Amino acid sequence: MITAIVLIEADVAAVPEVCEAVASLDSVSEVYSVTGDVDVVAMVRVGHHEALAEVIADRIGKVPGVRETRTYIAFRSYSGRDLEAAFAIGAEE
């Protein structure tokens, strides 16, 4: 599974609509409206690299109100649970 983090700049007046439209797309697992230099962050999960272009360029990029996207590909995934387990290795109670 390939995970991409997509940072989306949107028209300010259209942020809720952009979030809803992006969240409804296949392969988009989570969408957050955020503060900072971007308006929306979307998590995209696909089975192969070619699917990234289809989801990000062909779908997200064409959602009305989306002005720009920047995409980051994840190398590894860590969660709080994974980190707790890693630090607990060899620890005795």
PDB file of N, CA and C in Angstrom:
ATOM      1  N   MET A   1       0.848  -1.175   0.000  1.00  0.00           N
ATOM      2  CA  MET A   1       0.000   0.000   0.000  1.00  0.00           C
ATOM      3  C   MET A   1       0.895   1.241   0.000  1.00  0.00           C
ATOM      4  N   ILE A   2       0.595   2.183  -0.844  1.00  0.00           N
ATOM      5  CA  ILE A   2       1.320   3.443  -0.942  1.00  0.00           C
ATOM      6  C   ILE A   2       0.459   4.530  -0.312  1.00  0.00           C
ATOM      7  N   THR A   3       1.054   5.281   0.605  1.00  0.00           N
ATOM      8  CA  THR A   3       0.345   6.372   1.262  1.00  0.00           C
ATOM      9  C   THR A   3       0.926   7.690   0.800  1.00  0.00           C
ATOM     10  N   ALA A   4       0.050   8.602   0.404  1.00  0.00           N
ATOM     11  CA  ALA A   4       0.462   9.949   0.015  1.00  0.00           C
ATOM     12  C   ALA A   4      -0.274  10.948   0.893  1.00  0.00           C
ATOM     13  N   ILE A   5       0.464  11.966   1.314  1.00  0.00           N
ATOM     14  CA  ILE A   5      -0.125  13.071   2.059  1.00  0.00           C
ATOM     15  C   ILE A   5      -0.245  14.224   1.077  1.00  0.00           C
ATOM     16  N   VAL A   6      -1.458  14.684   0.846  1.00  0.00           N
ATOM     17  CA  VAL A   6      -1.698  15.721  -0.149  1.00  0.00           C
ATOM     18  C   VAL A   6      -2.086  17.011   0.565  1.00  0.00           C
ATOM     19  N   LEU A   7      -1.262  18.045   0.372  1.00  0.00           N
ATOM     20  CA  LEU A   7      -1.547  19.364   0.926  1.00  0.00           C
ATOM     21  C   LEU A   7      -2.290  20.152  -0.144  1.00  0.00           C
ATOM     22  N   ILE A   8      -3.432  20.702   0.209  1.00  0.00           N
ATOM     23  CA  ILE A   8      -4.310  21.343  -0.765  1.00  0.00           C
ATOM     24  C   ILE A   8      -4.531  22.799  -0.389  1.00  0.00           C
ATOM     25  N   GLU A   9      -4.249  23.684  -1.330  1.00  0.00           N
ATOM     26  CA  GLU A   9      -4.632  25.085  -1.182  1.00  0.00           C
ATOM     27  C   GLU A   9      -5.974  25.229  -1.880  1.00  0.00           C
ATOM     28  N   ALA A  10      -6.930  25.828  -1.178  1.00  0.00           N
ATOM     29  CA  ALA A  10      -8.284  25.942  -1.710  1.00  0.00           C
ATOM     30  C   ALA A  10      -8.758  27.381  -1.627  1.00  0.00           C
ATOM     31  N   ASP A  11      -9.770  27.688  -2.421  1.00  0.00           N
ATOM     32  CA  ASP A  11     -10.439  28.981  -2.284  1.00  0.00           C
ATOM     33  C   ASP A  11     -11.030  29.027  -0.878  1.00  0.00           C
ATOM     34  N   VAL A  12     -10.773  30.091  -0.153  1.00  0.00           N
ATOM     35  CA  VAL A  12     -11.194  30.189   1.248  1.00  0.00           C
ATOM     36  C   VAL A  12     -12.691  29.947   1.412  1.00  0.00           C
ATOM     37  N   ALA A  13     -13.486  30.487   0.537  1.00  0.00           N
ATOM     38  CA  ALA A  13     -14.938  30.350   0.655  1.00  0.00           C
ATOM     39  C   ALA A  13     -15.421  28.940   0.341  1.00  0.00           C
ATOM     40  N   ALA A  14     -14.550  28.103  -0.236  1.00  0.00           N
ATOM     41  CA  ALA A  14     -14.972  26.767  -0.671  1.00  0.00           C
ATOM     42  C   ALA A  14     -14.360  25.638   0.143  1.00  0.00           C
ATOM     43  N   VAL A  15     -13.687  25.952   1.252  1.00  0.00           N
ATOM     44  CA  VAL A  15     -12.992  24.904   2.010  1.00  0.00           C
ATOM     45  C   VAL A  15     -13.926  23.764   2.449  1.00  0.00           C
ATOM     46  N   PRO A  16     -15.091  24.036   3.035  1.00  0.00           N
ATOM     47  CA  PRO A  16     -15.960  22.919   3.431  1.00  0.00           C
ATOM     48  C   PRO A  16     -16.382  22.043   2.246  1.00  0.00           C
ATOM     49  N   GLU A  17     -16.692  22.676   1.125  1.00  0.00           N
ATOM     50  CA  GLU A  17     -17.107  21.922  -0.065  1.00  0.00           C
ATOM     51  C   GLU A  17     -15.946  21.114  -0.637  1.00  0.00           C
ATOM     52  N   VAL A  18     -14.743  21.700  -0.621  1.00  0.00           N
ATOM     53  CA  VAL A  18     -13.556  20.974  -1.087  1.00  0.00           C
ATOM     54  C   VAL A  18     -13.327  19.752  -0.201  1.00  0.00           C
ATOM     55  N   CYS A  19     -13.413  19.936   1.102  1.00  0.00           N
ATOM     56  CA  CYS A  19     -13.219  18.814   2.030  1.00  0.00           C
ATOM     57  C   CYS A  19     -14.214  17.688   1.761  1.00  0.00           C
ATOM     58  N   GLU A  20     -15.473  18.042   1.604  1.00  0.00           N
ATOM     59  CA  GLU A  20     -16.495  17.026   1.354  1.00  0.00           C
ATOM     60  C   GLU A  20     -16.275  16.313   0.029  1.00  0.00           C
ATOM     61  N   ALA A  21     -15.934  17.063  -1.020  1.00  0.00           N
ATOM     62  CA  ALA A  21     -15.718  16.461  -2.338  1.00  0.00           C
ATOM     63  C   ALA A  21     -14.501  15.549  -2.332  1.00  0.00           C
ATOM     64  N   VAL A  22     -13.418  15.995  -1.709  1.00  0.00           N
ATOM     65  CA  VAL A  22     -12.198  15.172  -1.664  1.00  0.00           C
ATOM     66  C   VAL A  22     -12.442  13.928  -0.818  1.00  0.00           C
ATOM     67  N   ALA A  23     -13.125  14.064   0.310  1.00  0.00           N
ATOM     68  CA  ALA A  23     -13.397  12.920   1.184  1.00  0.00           C
ATOM     69  C   ALA A  23     -14.245  11.860   0.504  1.00  0.00           C
ATOM     70  N   SER A  24     -15.041  12.252  -0.470  1.00  0.00           N
ATOM     71  CA  SER A  24     -15.910  11.287  -1.150  1.00  0.00           C
ATOM     72  C   SER A  24     -15.193  10.490  -2.231  1.00  0.00           C
ATOM     73  N   LEU A  25     -13.952  10.837  -2.546  1.00  0.00           N
ATOM     74  CA  LEU A  25     -13.220  10.154  -3.614  1.00  0.00           C
ATOM     75  C   LEU A  25     -12.677   8.805  -3.141  1.00  0.00           C
ATOM     76  N   ASP A  26     -12.730   7.817  -4.033  1.00  0.00           N
ATOM     77  CA  ASP A  26     -12.114   6.526  -3.741  1.00  0.00           C
ATOM     78  C   ASP A  26     -10.628   6.734  -3.497  1.00  0.00           C
ATOM     79  N   SER A  27     -10.060   5.971  -2.604  1.00  0.00           N
ATOM     80  CA  SER A  27      -8.640   5.987  -2.229  1.00  0.00           C
ATOM     81  C   SER A  27      -8.281   7.117  -1.284  1.00  0.00           C
ATOM     82  N   VAL A  28      -9.215   8.012  -0.966  1.00  0.00           N
ATOM     83  CA  VAL A  28      -8.961   9.055   0.031  1.00  0.00           C
ATOM     84  C   VAL A  28      -9.506   8.534   1.356  1.00  0.00           C
ATOM     85  N   SER A  29      -8.594   8.342   2.318  1.00  0.00           N
ATOM     86  CA  SER A  29      -9.021   7.744   3.587  1.00  0.00           C
ATOM     87  C   SER A  29      -9.393   8.775   4.642  1.00  0.00           C
ATOM     88  N   GLU A  30      -8.745   9.951   4.603  1.00  0.00           N
ATOM     89  CA  GLU A  30      -9.013  10.981   5.606  1.00  0.00           C
ATOM     90  C   GLU A  30      -8.811  12.349   4.975  1.00  0.00           C
ATOM     91  N   VAL A  31      -9.569  13.313   5.455  1.00  0.00           N
ATOM     92  CA  VAL A  31      -9.422  14.703   5.008  1.00  0.00           C
ATOM     93  C   VAL A  31      -9.541  15.595   6.237  1.00  0.00           C
ATOM     94  N   TYR A  32      -8.638  16.567   6.340  1.00  0.00           N
ATOM     95  CA  TYR A  32      -8.638  17.496   7.463  1.00  0.00           C
ATOM     96  C   TYR A  32      -8.621  18.924   6.939  1.00  0.00           C
ATOM     97  N   SER A  33      -9.467  19.789   7.466  1.00  0.00           N
ATOM     98  CA  SER A  33      -9.286  21.222   7.233  1.00  0.00           C
ATOM     99  C   SER A  33      -8.312  21.658   8.316  1.00  0.00           C
ATOM    100  N   VAL A  34      -7.325  22.467   7.938  1.00  0.00           N
ATOM    101  CA  VAL A  34      -6.236  22.792   8.858  1.00  0.00           C
ATOM    102  C   VAL A  34      -5.911  24.279   8.826  1.00  0.00           C
ATOM    103  N   THR A  35      -5.158  24.720   9.817  1.00  0.00           N
ATOM    104  CA  THR A  35      -4.626  26.071   9.811  1.00  0.00           C
ATOM    105  C   THR A  35      -3.200  26.012   9.286  1.00  0.00           C
ATOM    106  N   GLY A  36      -2.691  27.145   8.867  1.00  0.00           N
ATOM    107  CA  GLY A  36      -1.323  27.181   8.375  1.00  0.00           C
ATOM    108  C   GLY A  36      -1.275  27.640   6.933  1.00  0.00           C
ATOM    109  N   ASP A  37      -0.230  27.215   6.228  1.00  0.00           N
ATOM    110  CA  ASP A  37      -0.051  27.689   4.862  1.00  0.00           C
ATOM    111  C   ASP A  37      -0.817  26.874   3.825  1.00  0.00           C
ATOM    112  N   VAL A  38      -1.525  25.841   4.243  1.00  0.00           N
ATOM    113  CA  VAL A  38      -2.451  25.125   3.362  1.00  0.00           C
ATOM    114  C   VAL A  38      -3.809  25.078   4.051  1.00  0.00           C
ATOM    115  N   ASP A  39      -4.820  24.726   3.287  1.00  0.00           N
ATOM    116  CA  ASP A  39      -6.183  24.731   3.825  1.00  0.00           C
ATOM    117  C   ASP A  39      -6.712  23.349   4.163  1.00  0.00           C
ATOM    118  N   VAL A  40      -6.249  22.346   3.405  1.00  0.00           N
ATOM    119  CA  VAL A  40      -6.780  20.995   3.527  1.00  0.00           C
ATOM    120  C   VAL A  40      -5.626  20.005   3.417  1.00  0.00           C
ATOM    121  N   VAL A  41      -5.688  18.927   4.222  1.00  0.00           N
ATOM    122  CA  VAL A  41      -4.734  17.832   4.119  1.00  0.00           C
ATOM    123  C   VAL A  41      -5.542  16.566   3.873  1.00  0.00           C
ATOM    124  N   ALA A  42      -5.151  15.816   2.840  1.00  0.00           N
ATOM    125  CA  ALA A  42      -5.837  14.566   2.517  1.00  0.00           C
ATOM    126  C   ALA A  42      -4.844  13.411   2.554  1.00  0.00           C
ATOM    127  N   MET A  43      -5.281  12.296   3.092  1.00  0.00           N
ATOM    128  CA  MET A  43      -4.493  11.068   3.096  1.00  0.00           C
ATOM    129  C   MET A  43      -5.021  10.182   1.975  1.00  0.00           C
ATOM    130  N   VAL A  44      -4.125   9.807   1.076  1.00  0.00           N
ATOM    131  CA  VAL A  44      -4.502   8.975  -0.068  1.00  0.00           C
ATOM    132  C   VAL A  44      -3.755   7.654   0.048  1.00  0.00           C
ATOM    133  N   ARG A  45      -4.461   6.553  -0.124  1.00  0.00           N
ATOM    134  CA  ARG A  45      -3.846   5.229  -0.061  1.00  0.00           C
ATOM    135  C   ARG A  45      -4.230   4.456  -1.322  1.00  0.00           C
ATOM    136  N   VAL A  46      -3.196   4.025  -2.054  1.00  0.00           N
ATOM    137  CA  VAL A  46      -3.415   3.306  -3.315  1.00  0.00           C
ATOM    138  C   VAL A  46      -2.523   2.071  -3.360  1.00  0.00           C
ATOM    139  N   GLY A  47      -2.825   1.177  -4.295  1.00  0.00           N
ATOM    140  CA  GLY A  47      -2.069  -0.054  -4.430  1.00  0.00           C
ATOM    141  C   GLY A  47      -0.825   0.059  -5.281  1.00  0.00           C
ATOM    142  N   HIS A  48      -0.768   1.031  -6.183  1.00  0.00           N
ATOM    143  CA  HIS A  48       0.403   1.176  -7.050  1.00  0.00           C
ATOM    144  C   HIS A  48       0.596   2.644  -7.430  1.00  0.00           C
ATOM    145  N   HIS A  49       1.832   3.001  -7.789  1.00  0.00           N
ATOM    146  CA  HIS A  49       2.179   4.400  -8.039  1.00  0.00           C
ATOM    147  C   HIS A  49       1.332   5.054  -9.132  1.00  0.00           C
ATOM    148  N   GLU A  50       1.012   4.311 -10.180  1.00  0.00           N
ATOM    149  CA  GLU A  50       0.240   4.896 -11.279  1.00  0.00           C
ATOM    150  C   GLU A  50      -1.108   5.419 -10.802  1.00  0.00           C
ATOM    151  N   ALA A  51      -1.651   4.807  -9.773  1.00  0.00           N
ATOM    152  CA  ALA A  51      -2.953   5.231  -9.251  1.00  0.00           C
ATOM    153  C   ALA A  51      -2.864   6.603  -8.586  1.00  0.00           C
ATOM    154  N   LEU A  52      -1.674   6.997  -8.139  1.00  0.00           N
ATOM    155  CA  LEU A  52      -1.533   8.323  -7.524  1.00  0.00           C
ATOM    156  C   LEU A  52      -1.899   9.429  -8.503  1.00  0.00           C
ATOM    157  N   ALA A  53      -1.425   9.310  -9.739  1.00  0.00           N
ATOM    158  CA  ALA A  53      -1.738  10.331 -10.745  1.00  0.00           C
ATOM    159  C   ALA A  53      -3.235  10.404 -10.988  1.00  0.00           C
ATOM    160  N   GLU A  54      -3.873   9.251 -11.028  1.00  0.00           N
ATOM    161  CA  GLU A  54      -5.322   9.230 -11.263  1.00  0.00           C
ATOM    162  C   GLU A  54      -6.074   9.914 -10.129  1.00  0.00           C
ATOM    163  N   VAL A  55      -5.716   9.584  -8.902  1.00  0.00           N
ATOM    164  CA  VAL A  55      -6.441  10.144  -7.755  1.00  0.00           C
ATOM    165  C   VAL A  55      -6.098  11.613  -7.540  1.00  0.00           C
ATOM    166  N   ILE A  56      -4.804  11.942  -7.553  1.00  0.00           N
ATOM    167  CA  ILE A  56      -4.394  13.298  -7.178  1.00  0.00           C
ATOM    168  C   ILE A  56      -4.556  14.285  -8.329  1.00  0.00           C
ATOM    169  N   ALA A  57      -3.952  13.994  -9.474  1.00  0.00           N
ATOM    170  CA  ALA A  57      -4.009  14.943 -10.591  1.00  0.00           C
ATOM    171  C   ALA A  57      -5.373  14.946 -11.272  1.00  0.00           C
ATOM    172  N   ASP A  58      -5.921  13.751 -11.507  1.00  0.00           N
ATOM    173  CA  ASP A  58      -7.156  13.665 -12.283  1.00  0.00           C
ATOM    174  C   ASP A  58      -8.418  13.894 -11.469  1.00  0.00           C
ATOM    175  N   ARG A  59      -8.371  13.650 -10.156  1.00  0.00           N
ATOM    176  CA  ARG A  59      -9.584  13.823  -9.344  1.00  0.00           C
ATOM    177  C   ARG A  59      -9.471  14.980  -8.367  1.00  0.00           C
ATOM    178  N   ILE A  60      -8.505  14.899  -7.433  1.00  0.00           N
ATOM    179  CA  ILE A  60      -8.396  15.966  -6.430  1.00  0.00           C
ATOM    180  C   ILE A  60      -8.107  17.301  -7.103  1.00  0.00           C
ATOM    181  N   GLY A  61      -7.183  17.311  -8.046  1.00  0.00           N
ATOM    182  CA  GLY A  61      -6.805  18.554  -8.710  1.00  0.00           C
ATOM    183  C   GLY A  61      -7.924  19.204  -9.497  1.00  0.00           C
ATOM    184  N   LYS A  62      -8.955  18.438  -9.817  1.00  0.00           N
ATOM    185  CA  LYS A  62     -10.078  18.968 -10.601  1.00  0.00           C
ATOM    186  C   LYS A  62     -11.315  19.265  -9.764  1.00  0.00           C
ATOM    187  N   VAL A  63     -11.207  19.112  -8.456  1.00  0.00           N
ATOM    188  CA  VAL A  63     -12.330  19.465  -7.581  1.00  0.00           C
ATOM    189  C   VAL A  63     -12.495  20.985  -7.615  1.00  0.00           C
ATOM    190  N   PRO A  64     -13.704  21.481  -7.847  1.00  0.00           N
ATOM    191  CA  PRO A  64     -13.917  22.932  -7.837  1.00  0.00           C
ATOM    192  C   PRO A  64     -13.480  23.541  -6.513  1.00  0.00           C
ATOM    193  N   GLY A  65     -12.693  24.597  -6.591  1.00  0.00           N
ATOM    194  CA  GLY A  65     -12.200  25.265  -5.399  1.00  0.00           C
ATOM    195  C   GLY A  65     -10.759  24.900  -5.050  1.00  0.00           C
ATOM    196  N   VAL A  66     -10.222  23.813  -5.639  1.00  0.00           N
ATOM    197  CA  VAL A  66      -8.823  23.446  -5.401  1.00  0.00           C
ATOM    198  C   VAL A  66      -7.950  24.319  -6.282  1.00  0.00           C
ATOM    199  N   ARG A  67      -7.010  25.038  -5.667  1.00  0.00           N
ATOM    200  CA  ARG A  67      -6.104  25.912  -6.425  1.00  0.00           C
ATOM    201  C   ARG A  67      -4.760  25.256  -6.691  1.00  0.00           C
ATOM    202  N   GLU A  68      -4.264  24.479  -5.725  1.00  0.00           N
ATOM    203  CA  GLU A  68      -2.941  23.874  -5.860  1.00  0.00           C
ATOM    204  C   GLU A  68      -2.832  22.676  -4.930  1.00  0.00           C
ATOM    205  N   THR A  69      -2.049  21.675  -5.338  1.00  0.00           N
ATOM    206  CA  THR A  69      -1.763  20.543  -4.460  1.00  0.00           C
ATOM    207  C   THR A  69      -0.256  20.319  -4.395  1.00  0.00           C
ATOM    208  N   ARG A  70       0.187  19.815  -3.255  1.00  0.00           N
ATOM    209  CA  ARG A  70       1.560  19.352  -3.089  1.00  0.00           C
ATOM    210  C   ARG A  70       1.462  17.973  -2.451  1.00  0.00           C
ATOM    211  N   THR A  71       2.199  17.025  -3.002  1.00  0.00           N
ATOM    212  CA  THR A  71       2.063  15.643  -2.574  1.00  0.00           C
ATOM    213  C   THR A  71       3.360  15.131  -1.978  1.00  0.00           C
ATOM    214  N   TYR A  72       3.246  14.437  -0.858  1.00  0.00           N
ATOM    215  CA  TYR A  72       4.369  13.802  -0.184  1.00  0.00           C
ATOM    216  C   TYR A  72       4.092  12.306  -0.088  1.00  0.00           C
ATOM    217  N   ILE A  73       5.042  11.492  -0.533  1.00  0.00           N
ATOM    218  CA  ILE A  73       4.894  10.040  -0.479  1.00  0.00           C
ATOM    219  C   ILE A  73       5.530   9.539   0.820  1.00  0.00           C
ATOM    220  N   ALA A  74       4.805   8.724   1.555  1.00  0.00           N
ATOM    221  CA  ALA A  74       5.311   8.181   2.815  1.00  0.00           C
ATOM    222  C   ALA A  74       6.231   6.988   2.552  1.00  0.00           C
ATOM    223  N   PHE A  75       7.378   6.970   3.228  1.00  0.00           N
ATOM    224  CA  PHE A  75       8.289   5.821   3.154  1.00  0.00           C
ATOM    225  C   PHE A  75       7.853   4.729   4.114  1.00  0.00           C
ATOM    226  N   ARG A  76       7.559   5.131   5.351  1.00  0.00           N
ATOM    227  CA  ARG A  76       7.148   4.200   6.400  1.00  0.00           C
ATOM    228  C   ARG A  76       6.006   4.822   7.173  1.00  0.00           C
ATOM    229  N   SER A  77       5.265   3.966   7.827  1.00  0.00           N
ATOM    230  CA  SER A  77       4.159   4.432   8.652  1.00  0.00           C
ATOM    231  C   SER A  77       4.443   4.090  10.106  1.00  0.00           C
ATOM    232  N   TYR A  78       4.263   5.061  10.980  1.00  0.00           N
ATOM    233  CA  TYR A  78       4.420   4.856  12.413  1.00  0.00           C
ATOM    234  C   TYR A  78       3.158   5.344  13.098  1.00  0.00           C
ATOM    235  N   SER A  79       2.753   4.645  14.114  1.00  0.00           N
ATOM    236  CA  SER A  79       1.629   5.109  14.908  1.00  0.00           C
ATOM    237  C   SER A  79       2.057   5.114  16.371  1.00  0.00           C
ATOM    238  N   GLY A  80       1.292   5.761  17.213  1.00  0.00           N
ATOM    239  CA  GLY A  80       1.612   5.766  18.631  1.00  0.00           C
ATOM    240  C   GLY A  80       1.735   4.361  19.181  1.00  0.00           C
ATOM    241  N   ARG A  81       0.877   3.478  18.757  1.00  0.00           N
ATOM    242  CA  ARG A  81       0.903   2.090  19.211  1.00  0.00           C
ATOM    243  C   ARG A  81       2.192   1.409  18.767  1.00  0.00           C
ATOM    244  N   ASP A  82       2.613   1.644  17.500  1.00  0.00           N
ATOM    245  CA  ASP A  82       3.850   1.048  16.994  1.00  0.00           C
ATOM    246  C   ASP A  82       5.045   1.535  17.802  1.00  0.00           C
ATOM    247  N   LEU A  83       5.092   2.835  18.101  1.00  0.00           N
ATOM    248  CA  LEU A  83       6.215   3.396  18.848  1.00  0.00           C
ATOM    249  C   LEU A  83       6.248   2.877  20.277  1.00  0.00           C
ATOM    250  N   GLU A  84       5.086   2.764  20.915  1.00  0.00           N
ATOM    251  CA  GLU A  84       5.041   2.221  22.267  1.00  0.00           C
ATOM    252  C   GLU A  84       5.564   0.795  22.292  1.00  0.00           C
ATOM    253  N   ALA A  85       5.166  -0.012  21.313  1.00  0.00           N
ATOM    254  CA  ALA A  85       5.614  -1.401  21.243  1.00  0.00           C
ATOM    255  C   ALA A  85       7.118  -1.469  21.024  1.00  0.00           C
ATOM    256  N   ALA A  86       7.660  -0.604  20.168  1.00  0.00           N
ATOM    257  CA  ALA A  86       9.090  -0.622  19.888  1.00  0.00           C
ATOM    258  C   ALA A  86       9.895  -0.265  21.138  1.00  0.00           C
ATOM    259  N   PHE A  87       9.450   0.734  21.898  1.00  0.00           N
ATOM    260  CA  PHE A  87      10.183   1.150  23.091  1.00  0.00           C
ATOM    261  C   PHE A  87       9.989   0.168  24.248  1.00  0.00           C
ATOM    262  N   ALA A  88       8.972  -0.670  24.165  1.00  0.00           N
ATOM    263  CA  ALA A  88       8.708  -1.626  25.229  1.00  0.00           C
ATOM    264  C   ALA A  88       9.469  -2.947  25.043  1.00  0.00           C
ATOM    265  N   ILE A  89      10.143  -3.106  23.904  1.00  0.00           N
ATOM    266  CA  ILE A  89      10.869  -4.342  23.649  1.00  0.00           C
ATOM    267  C   ILE A  89      11.926  -4.522  24.724  1.00  0.00           C
ATOM    268  N   GLY A  90      11.901  -5.646  25.392  1.00  0.00           N
ATOM    269  CA  GLY A  90      12.887  -5.948  26.434  1.00  0.00           C
ATOM    270  C   GLY A  90      12.546  -5.367  27.792  1.00  0.00           C
ATOM    271  N   ALA A  91      11.515  -4.571  27.865  1.00  0.00           N
ATOM    272  CA  ALA A  91      11.123  -4.017  29.161  1.00  0.00           C
ATOM    273  C   ALA A  91      10.380  -5.051  29.953  1.00  0.00           C
ATOM    274  N   GLU A  92      10.736  -5.171  31.210  1.00  0.00           N
ATOM    275  CA  GLU A  92      10.058  -6.128  32.090  1.00  0.00           C
ATOM    276  C   GLU A  92       9.213  -5.384  33.096  1.00  0.00           C
ATOM    277  N   GLU A  93       8.092  -5.955  33.433  1.00  0.00           N
ATOM    278  CA  GLU A  93       7.217  -5.324  34.440  1.00  0.00           C
ATOM    279  C   GLU A  93       7.566  -5.792  35.815  1.00  0.00           C
TER     280      GLU A  93
END
